[in-house]
């Protein structure tokens, strides 16, 4: 059985450990405070920018 999957030569990941963007969303929207949230890169949400 042939392997039809292409492998990436490398993978680069950025981790926002201080959750800056999630903190801003919680400031702008008090109903999100104290809840886990994730911020994506737009309507398609293909990349998680940050979370809390």
PDB file of N, CA and C in Angstrom:
ATOM      1  N   UNK A   1       0.848  -1.179   0.000  1.00  0.00           N
ATOM      2  CA  UNK A   1       0.000   0.000   0.000  1.00  0.00           C
ATOM      3  C   UNK A   1       0.891   1.239   0.000  1.00  0.00           C
ATOM      4  N   UNK A   2       0.784   2.105  -1.015  1.00  0.00           N
ATOM      5  CA  UNK A   2       1.639   3.303  -1.072  1.00  0.00           C
ATOM      6  C   UNK A   2       1.211   4.353  -0.055  1.00  0.00           C
ATOM      7  N   UNK A   3       2.197   5.099   0.429  1.00  0.00           N
ATOM      8  CA  UNK A   3       1.945   6.190   1.380  1.00  0.00           C
ATOM      9  C   UNK A   3       1.714   7.466   0.590  1.00  0.00           C
ATOM     10  N   UNK A   4       0.460   7.903   0.460  1.00  0.00           N
ATOM     11  CA  UNK A   4       0.111   9.087  -0.310  1.00  0.00           C
ATOM     12  C   UNK A   4       0.152  10.369   0.506  1.00  0.00           C
ATOM     13  N   UNK A   5       0.525  10.289   1.763  1.00  0.00           N
ATOM     14  CA  UNK A   5       0.575  11.475   2.612  1.00  0.00           C
ATOM     15  C   UNK A   5       1.880  12.225   2.396  1.00  0.00           C
ATOM     16  N   UNK A   6       1.777  13.524   2.233  1.00  0.00           N
ATOM     17  CA  UNK A   6       2.977  14.340   2.131  1.00  0.00           C
ATOM     18  C   UNK A   6       3.381  14.779   3.530  1.00  0.00           C
ATOM     19  N   UNK A   7       4.646  14.716   3.812  1.00  0.00           N
ATOM     20  CA  UNK A   7       5.152  15.106   5.125  1.00  0.00           C
ATOM     21  C   UNK A   7       5.812  16.471   5.040  1.00  0.00           C
ATOM     22  N   UNK A   8       5.572  17.296   6.008  1.00  0.00           N
ATOM     23  CA  UNK A   8       6.197  18.610   6.069  1.00  0.00           C
ATOM     24  C   UNK A   8       7.665  18.424   6.452  1.00  0.00           C
ATOM     25  N   UNK A   9       8.571  19.169   5.832  1.00  0.00           N
ATOM     26  CA  UNK A   9       9.979  19.037   6.207  1.00  0.00           C
ATOM     27  C   UNK A   9      10.249  19.584   7.617  1.00  0.00           C
ATOM     28  N   UNK A  10       9.416  20.522   8.057  1.00  0.00           N
ATOM     29  CA  UNK A  10       9.532  21.034   9.434  1.00  0.00           C
ATOM     30  C   UNK A  10       8.198  21.633   9.851  1.00  0.00           C
ATOM     31  N   UNK A  11       8.051  21.830  11.133  1.00  0.00           N
ATOM     32  CA  UNK A  11       6.828  22.378  11.706  1.00  0.00           C
ATOM     33  C   UNK A  11       7.221  23.511  12.634  1.00  0.00           C
ATOM     34  N   UNK A  12       6.630  24.681  12.438  1.00  0.00           N
ATOM     35  CA  UNK A  12       6.920  25.842  13.284  1.00  0.00           C
ATOM     36  C   UNK A  12       5.657  26.184  14.063  1.00  0.00           C
ATOM     37  N   UNK A  13       5.762  26.281  15.360  1.00  0.00           N
ATOM     38  CA  UNK A  13       4.617  26.617  16.211  1.00  0.00           C
ATOM     39  C   UNK A  13       4.971  27.805  17.095  1.00  0.00           C
ATOM     40  N   UNK A  14       4.015  28.689  17.250  1.00  0.00           N
ATOM     41  CA  UNK A  14       4.171  29.829  18.150  1.00  0.00           C
ATOM     42  C   UNK A  14       3.163  29.664  19.274  1.00  0.00           C
ATOM     43  N   UNK A  15       3.624  29.741  20.496  1.00  0.00           N
ATOM     44  CA  UNK A  15       2.754  29.592  21.654  1.00  0.00           C
ATOM     45  C   UNK A  15       2.755  30.891  22.447  1.00  0.00           C
ATOM     46  N   UNK A  16       1.583  31.501  22.572  1.00  0.00           N
ATOM     47  CA  UNK A  16       1.427  32.727  23.351  1.00  0.00           C
ATOM     48  C   UNK A  16       1.098  32.319  24.782  1.00  0.00           C
ATOM     49  N   UNK A  17       2.115  32.142  25.591  1.00  0.00           N
ATOM     50  CA  UNK A  17       1.925  31.618  26.939  1.00  0.00           C
ATOM     51  C   UNK A  17       1.254  32.616  27.885  1.00  0.00           C
ATOM     52  N   UNK A  18       1.264  33.903  27.556  1.00  0.00           N
ATOM     53  CA  UNK A  18       0.645  34.865  28.467  1.00  0.00           C
ATOM     54  C   UNK A  18      -0.799  35.165  28.112  1.00  0.00           C
ATOM     55  N   UNK A  19      -1.331  34.566  27.053  1.00  0.00           N
ATOM     56  CA  UNK A  19      -2.743  34.680  26.673  1.00  0.00           C
ATOM     57  C   UNK A  19      -3.190  36.136  26.535  1.00  0.00           C
ATOM     58  N   UNK A  20      -2.360  36.960  25.920  1.00  0.00           N
ATOM     59  CA  UNK A  20      -2.655  38.381  25.790  1.00  0.00           C
ATOM     60  C   UNK A  20      -3.974  38.632  25.067  1.00  0.00           C
ATOM     61  N   UNK A  21      -4.153  38.032  23.897  1.00  0.00           N
ATOM     62  CA  UNK A  21      -5.356  38.289  23.115  1.00  0.00           C
ATOM     63  C   UNK A  21      -6.614  37.766  23.818  1.00  0.00           C
ATOM     64  N   UNK A  22      -6.497  36.649  24.522  1.00  0.00           N
ATOM     65  CA  UNK A  22      -7.632  36.144  25.287  1.00  0.00           C
ATOM     66  C   UNK A  22      -7.984  37.115  26.413  1.00  0.00           C
ATOM     67  N   UNK A  23      -6.988  37.701  27.038  1.00  0.00           N
ATOM     68  CA  UNK A  23      -7.231  38.684  28.105  1.00  0.00           C
ATOM     69  C   UNK A  23      -7.940  39.916  27.563  1.00  0.00           C
ATOM     70  N   UNK A  24      -7.560  40.354  26.368  1.00  0.00           N
ATOM     71  CA  UNK A  24      -8.216  41.511  25.756  1.00  0.00           C
ATOM     72  C   UNK A  24      -9.681  41.194  25.468  1.00  0.00           C
ATOM     73  N   UNK A  25      -9.951  40.007  24.945  1.00  0.00           N
ATOM     74  CA  UNK A  25     -11.340  39.615  24.680  1.00  0.00           C
ATOM     75  C   UNK A  25     -12.156  39.586  25.966  1.00  0.00           C
ATOM     76  N   UNK A  26     -11.545  39.132  27.059  1.00  0.00           N
ATOM     77  CA  UNK A  26     -12.259  39.089  28.330  1.00  0.00           C
ATOM     78  C   UNK A  26     -12.500  40.490  28.879  1.00  0.00           C
ATOM     79  N   UNK A  27     -11.602  41.428  28.587  1.00  0.00           N
ATOM     80  CA  UNK A  27     -11.834  42.815  28.994  1.00  0.00           C
ATOM     81  C   UNK A  27     -12.970  43.439  28.190  1.00  0.00           C
ATOM     82  N   UNK A  28     -12.983  43.171  26.885  1.00  0.00           N
ATOM     83  CA  UNK A  28     -14.010  43.735  26.009  1.00  0.00           C
ATOM     84  C   UNK A  28     -15.380  43.094  26.209  1.00  0.00           C
ATOM     85  N   UNK A  29     -15.395  41.835  26.618  1.00  0.00           N
ATOM     86  CA  UNK A  29     -16.656  41.093  26.783  1.00  0.00           C
ATOM     87  C   UNK A  29     -16.685  40.453  28.169  1.00  0.00           C
ATOM     88  N   UNK A  30     -17.224  41.154  29.162  1.00  0.00           N
ATOM     89  CA  UNK A  30     -17.224  40.646  30.539  1.00  0.00           C
ATOM     90  C   UNK A  30     -17.877  39.266  30.698  1.00  0.00           C
ATOM     91  N   UNK A  31     -18.789  38.894  29.789  1.00  0.00           N
ATOM     92  CA  UNK A  31     -19.438  37.577  29.910  1.00  0.00           C
ATOM     93  C   UNK A  31     -18.461  36.429  29.670  1.00  0.00           C
ATOM     94  N   UNK A  32     -17.276  36.715  29.125  1.00  0.00           N
ATOM     95  CA  UNK A  32     -16.262  35.680  28.893  1.00  0.00           C
ATOM     96  C   UNK A  32     -15.326  35.495  30.087  1.00  0.00           C
ATOM     97  N   UNK A  33     -15.376  36.405  31.046  1.00  0.00           N
ATOM     98  CA  UNK A  33     -14.467  36.309  32.195  1.00  0.00           C
ATOM     99  C   UNK A  33     -14.736  35.044  32.996  1.00  0.00           C
ATOM    100  N   UNK A  34     -13.657  34.385  33.380  1.00  0.00           N
ATOM    101  CA  UNK A  34     -13.763  33.166  34.172  1.00  0.00           C
ATOM    102  C   UNK A  34     -14.124  31.935  33.361  1.00  0.00           C
ATOM    103  N   UNK A  35     -14.183  32.068  32.039  1.00  0.00           N
ATOM    104  CA  UNK A  35     -14.511  30.942  31.169  1.00  0.00           C
ATOM    105  C   UNK A  35     -13.339  30.672  30.230  1.00  0.00           C
ATOM    106  N   UNK A  36     -13.154  29.424  29.835  1.00  0.00           N
ATOM    107  CA  UNK A  36     -12.107  29.145  28.844  1.00  0.00           C
ATOM    108  C   UNK A  36     -12.535  29.672  27.473  1.00  0.00           C
ATOM    109  N   UNK A  37     -11.655  30.416  26.818  1.00  0.00           N
ATOM    110  CA  UNK A  37     -11.970  30.940  25.491  1.00  0.00           C
ATOM    111  C   UNK A  37     -10.788  30.698  24.563  1.00  0.00           C
ATOM    112  N   UNK A  38     -11.069  30.719  23.276  1.00  0.00           N
ATOM    113  CA  UNK A  38     -10.030  30.615  22.255  1.00  0.00           C
ATOM    114  C   UNK A  38     -10.241  31.709  21.233  1.00  0.00           C
ATOM    115  N   UNK A  39      -9.167  32.279  20.741  1.00  0.00           N
ATOM    116  CA  UNK A  39      -9.236  33.331  19.735  1.00  0.00           C
ATOM    117  C   UNK A  39      -8.635  32.767  18.450  1.00  0.00           C
ATOM    118  N   UNK A  40      -9.403  32.820  17.359  1.00  0.00           N
ATOM    119  CA  UNK A  40      -8.926  32.297  16.082  1.00  0.00           C
ATOM    120  C   UNK A  40      -8.560  33.432  15.142  1.00  0.00           C
ATOM    121  N   UNK A  41      -8.132  33.075  13.950  1.00  0.00           N
ATOM    122  CA  UNK A  41      -7.676  34.073  12.985  1.00  0.00           C
ATOM    123  C   UNK A  41      -8.780  34.552  12.048  1.00  0.00           C
ATOM    124  N   UNK A  42     -10.010  34.467  12.440  1.00  0.00           N
ATOM    125  CA  UNK A  42     -11.088  34.997  11.604  1.00  0.00           C
ATOM    126  C   UNK A  42     -12.266  34.060  11.479  1.00  0.00           C
ATOM    127  N   UNK A  43     -13.083  34.319  10.477  1.00  0.00           N
ATOM    128  CA  UNK A  43     -14.322  33.556  10.305  1.00  0.00           C
ATOM    129  C   UNK A  43     -14.078  32.081  10.059  1.00  0.00           C
ATOM    130  N   UNK A  44     -13.024  31.749   9.331  1.00  0.00           N
ATOM    131  CA  UNK A  44     -12.762  30.333   9.049  1.00  0.00           C
ATOM    132  C   UNK A  44     -12.147  29.620  10.243  1.00  0.00           C
ATOM    133  N   UNK A  45     -11.471  30.361  11.098  1.00  0.00           N
ATOM    134  CA  UNK A  45     -10.921  29.784  12.318  1.00  0.00           C
ATOM    135  C   UNK A  45      -9.925  28.664  12.072  1.00  0.00           C
ATOM    136  N   UNK A  46      -9.034  28.854  11.107  1.00  0.00           N
ATOM    137  CA  UNK A  46      -8.086  27.793  10.774  1.00  0.00           C
ATOM    138  C   UNK A  46      -6.883  27.756  11.701  1.00  0.00           C
ATOM    139  N   UNK A  47      -6.720  28.770  12.518  1.00  0.00           N
ATOM    140  CA  UNK A  47      -5.559  28.825  13.405  1.00  0.00           C
ATOM    141  C   UNK A  47      -5.993  29.391  14.757  1.00  0.00           C
ATOM    142  N   UNK A  48      -5.653  28.712  15.817  1.00  0.00           N
ATOM    143  CA  UNK A  48      -5.945  29.209  17.164  1.00  0.00           C
ATOM    144  C   UNK A  48      -4.843  30.168  17.562  1.00  0.00           C
ATOM    145  N   UNK A  49      -5.184  31.448  17.701  1.00  0.00           N
ATOM    146  CA  UNK A  49      -4.197  32.471  18.027  1.00  0.00           C
ATOM    147  C   UNK A  49      -3.781  32.378  19.496  1.00  0.00           C
ATOM    148  N   UNK A  50      -4.756  32.288  20.377  1.00  0.00           N
ATOM    149  CA  UNK A  50      -4.461  32.172  21.808  1.00  0.00           C
ATOM    150  C   UNK A  50      -5.668  31.607  22.518  1.00  0.00           C
ATOM    151  N   UNK A  51      -5.492  31.198  23.735  1.00  0.00           N
ATOM    152  CA  UNK A  51      -6.612  30.679  24.536  1.00  0.00           C
ATOM    153  C   UNK A  51      -6.326  30.940  26.004  1.00  0.00           C
ATOM    154  N   UNK A  52      -7.363  30.758  26.809  1.00  0.00           N
ATOM    155  CA  UNK A  52      -7.183  30.914  28.255  1.00  0.00           C
ATOM    156  C   UNK A  52      -7.798  29.725  28.957  1.00  0.00           C
TER     157      UNK A  52
END
